[in-house]
């Protein structure tokens, strides 16, 4: 595997649905990403951390955020990216 395909990434993501019923939207998103292969998902009360290969994590996030954004509610997402897999 070349270095490009082996680039690890860490993402810290906080989701803020602008709705009184915000918890189900967050839980649904996290449950979907936990089902994905090739990623590790760790949660705390303020954010979700996702670790894996760049070429796996970013396309997965694009797909899953799009699903979440299709809700009629506005959703704010704050995301930090690190060009290393800090899970290790």
C-alpha atoms as a PDB file:
ATOM      1  CA  UNK A   1       0.000   0.000   0.000  1.00  0.00           C
ATOM      2  CA  UNK A   2       1.424   3.372  -0.927  1.00  0.00           C
ATOM      3  CA  UNK A   3       1.615   6.289   1.505  1.00  0.00           C
ATOM      4  CA  UNK A   4      -1.367   8.086  -0.065  1.00  0.00           C
ATOM      5  CA  UNK A   5      -3.672   5.137   0.601  1.00  0.00           C
ATOM      6  CA  UNK A   6      -2.266   4.669   4.088  1.00  0.00           C
ATOM      7  CA  UNK A   7      -2.862   8.240   5.316  1.00  0.00           C
ATOM      8  CA  UNK A   8      -4.599   8.094   8.675  1.00  0.00           C
ATOM      9  CA  UNK A   9      -7.049  10.735   9.790  1.00  0.00           C
ATOM     10  CA  UNK A  10      -8.782  11.745  13.005  1.00  0.00           C
ATOM     11  CA  UNK A  11     -12.025  13.707  12.976  1.00  0.00           C
ATOM     12  CA  UNK A  12     -13.763  15.336  15.912  1.00  0.00           C
ATOM     13  CA  UNK A  13     -17.323  16.206  15.003  1.00  0.00           C
ATOM     14  CA  UNK A  14     -20.019  18.010  16.968  1.00  0.00           C
ATOM     15  CA  UNK A  15     -23.551  18.137  15.576  1.00  0.00           C
ATOM     16  CA  UNK A  16     -26.114  20.725  16.646  1.00  0.00           C
ATOM     17  CA  UNK A  17     -29.554  20.164  15.108  1.00  0.00           C
ATOM     18  CA  UNK A  18     -31.576  23.364  15.477  1.00  0.00           C
ATOM     19  CA  UNK A  19     -34.659  21.546  16.682  1.00  0.00           C
ATOM     20  CA  UNK A  20     -36.282  20.736  19.995  1.00  0.00           C
ATOM     21  CA  UNK A  21     -36.058  17.065  19.000  1.00  0.00           C
ATOM     22  CA  UNK A  22     -32.300  17.142  18.448  1.00  0.00           C
ATOM     23  CA  UNK A  23     -31.234  13.923  20.206  1.00  0.00           C
ATOM     24  CA  UNK A  24     -32.745  11.428  17.710  1.00  0.00           C
ATOM     25  CA  UNK A  25     -30.978  13.196  14.824  1.00  0.00           C
ATOM     26  CA  UNK A  26     -27.604  12.899  16.555  1.00  0.00           C
ATOM     27  CA  UNK A  27     -28.167   9.312  17.687  1.00  0.00           C
ATOM     28  CA  UNK A  28     -29.242   8.271  14.189  1.00  0.00           C
ATOM     29  CA  UNK A  29     -26.101   9.789  12.654  1.00  0.00           C
ATOM     30  CA  UNK A  30     -23.775   8.151  15.193  1.00  0.00           C
ATOM     31  CA  UNK A  31     -25.463   4.757  14.860  1.00  0.00           C
ATOM     32  CA  UNK A  32     -25.049   4.880  11.078  1.00  0.00           C
ATOM     33  CA  UNK A  33     -21.334   5.682  11.226  1.00  0.00           C
ATOM     34  CA  UNK A  34     -20.744   3.010  13.885  1.00  0.00           C
ATOM     35  CA  UNK A  35     -21.945   0.424  11.340  1.00  0.00           C
ATOM     36  CA  UNK A  36     -19.263   1.377   8.800  1.00  0.00           C
ATOM     37  CA  UNK A  37     -16.241  -0.846   8.319  1.00  0.00           C
ATOM     38  CA  UNK A  38     -12.756   0.580   8.550  1.00  0.00           C
ATOM     39  CA  UNK A  39     -13.564   3.313  11.070  1.00  0.00           C
ATOM     40  CA  UNK A  40     -13.391   3.549  14.840  1.00  0.00           C
ATOM     41  CA  UNK A  41     -16.006   5.751  16.514  1.00  0.00           C
ATOM     42  CA  UNK A  42     -15.657   7.086  20.065  1.00  0.00           C
ATOM     43  CA  UNK A  43     -18.279   9.313  21.665  1.00  0.00           C
ATOM     44  CA  UNK A  44     -18.481  11.621  24.620  1.00  0.00           C
ATOM     45  CA  UNK A  45     -21.101  14.155  25.717  1.00  0.00           C
ATOM     46  CA  UNK A  46     -19.809  16.926  23.453  1.00  0.00           C
ATOM     47  CA  UNK A  47     -18.462  15.254  20.317  1.00  0.00           C
ATOM     48  CA  UNK A  48     -17.902  12.141  18.274  1.00  0.00           C
ATOM     49  CA  UNK A  49     -14.374  11.143  17.299  1.00  0.00           C
ATOM     50  CA  UNK A  50     -13.785   9.108  14.164  1.00  0.00           C
ATOM     51  CA  UNK A  51     -10.500   7.422  13.236  1.00  0.00           C
ATOM     52  CA  UNK A  52      -9.422   5.564  10.128  1.00  0.00           C
ATOM     53  CA  UNK A  53      -7.935   5.915   6.666  1.00  0.00           C
ATOM     54  CA  UNK A  54      -8.489   9.241   4.920  1.00  0.00           C
ATOM     55  CA  UNK A  55      -9.922   7.522   1.826  1.00  0.00           C
ATOM     56  CA  UNK A  56     -12.469   5.690   3.990  1.00  0.00           C
ATOM     57  CA  UNK A  57     -13.441   8.320   6.560  1.00  0.00           C
ATOM     58  CA  UNK A  58     -14.009  11.401   4.389  1.00  0.00           C
ATOM     59  CA  UNK A  59     -16.233   9.739   1.735  1.00  0.00           C
ATOM     60  CA  UNK A  60     -18.210   8.061   4.541  1.00  0.00           C
ATOM     61  CA  UNK A  61     -18.706  11.415   6.278  1.00  0.00           C
ATOM     62  CA  UNK A  62     -19.797  13.043   3.018  1.00  0.00           C
ATOM     63  CA  UNK A  63     -22.427  10.345   2.529  1.00  0.00           C
ATOM     64  CA  UNK A  64     -23.691  10.274   6.110  1.00  0.00           C
ATOM     65  CA  UNK A  65     -23.776  14.048   6.579  1.00  0.00           C
ATOM     66  CA  UNK A  66     -25.782  14.353   3.361  1.00  0.00           C
ATOM     67  CA  UNK A  67     -28.367  11.932   4.786  1.00  0.00           C
ATOM     68  CA  UNK A  68     -28.548  13.964   7.997  1.00  0.00           C
ATOM     69  CA  UNK A  69     -28.764  17.252   6.101  1.00  0.00           C
ATOM     70  CA  UNK A  70     -31.800  16.001   4.160  1.00  0.00           C
ATOM     71  CA  UNK A  71     -33.925  16.590   7.271  1.00  0.00           C
ATOM     72  CA  UNK A  72     -36.201  19.632   7.201  1.00  0.00           C
ATOM     73  CA  UNK A  73     -34.365  20.937  10.294  1.00  0.00           C
ATOM     74  CA  UNK A  74     -31.244  23.075  10.082  1.00  0.00           C
ATOM     75  CA  UNK A  75     -28.145  21.307  11.420  1.00  0.00           C
ATOM     76  CA  UNK A  76     -24.839  22.910  12.383  1.00  0.00           C
ATOM     77  CA  UNK A  77     -21.764  20.684  12.261  1.00  0.00           C
ATOM     78  CA  UNK A  78     -18.396  21.673  13.689  1.00  0.00           C
ATOM     79  CA  UNK A  79     -15.571  19.447  12.527  1.00  0.00           C
ATOM     80  CA  UNK A  80     -11.851  19.278  13.298  1.00  0.00           C
ATOM     81  CA  UNK A  81      -9.548  17.204  11.097  1.00  0.00           C
ATOM     82  CA  UNK A  82      -6.060  15.956  11.961  1.00  0.00           C
ATOM     83  CA  UNK A  83      -3.846  14.321   9.349  1.00  0.00           C
ATOM     84  CA  UNK A  84      -2.952  11.473  11.707  1.00  0.00           C
ATOM     85  CA  UNK A  85      -4.865   8.581  13.221  1.00  0.00           C
ATOM     86  CA  UNK A  86      -4.662   9.610  16.875  1.00  0.00           C
ATOM     87  CA  UNK A  87      -6.543   6.553  18.070  1.00  0.00           C
ATOM     88  CA  UNK A  88      -3.237   4.718  18.409  1.00  0.00           C
END
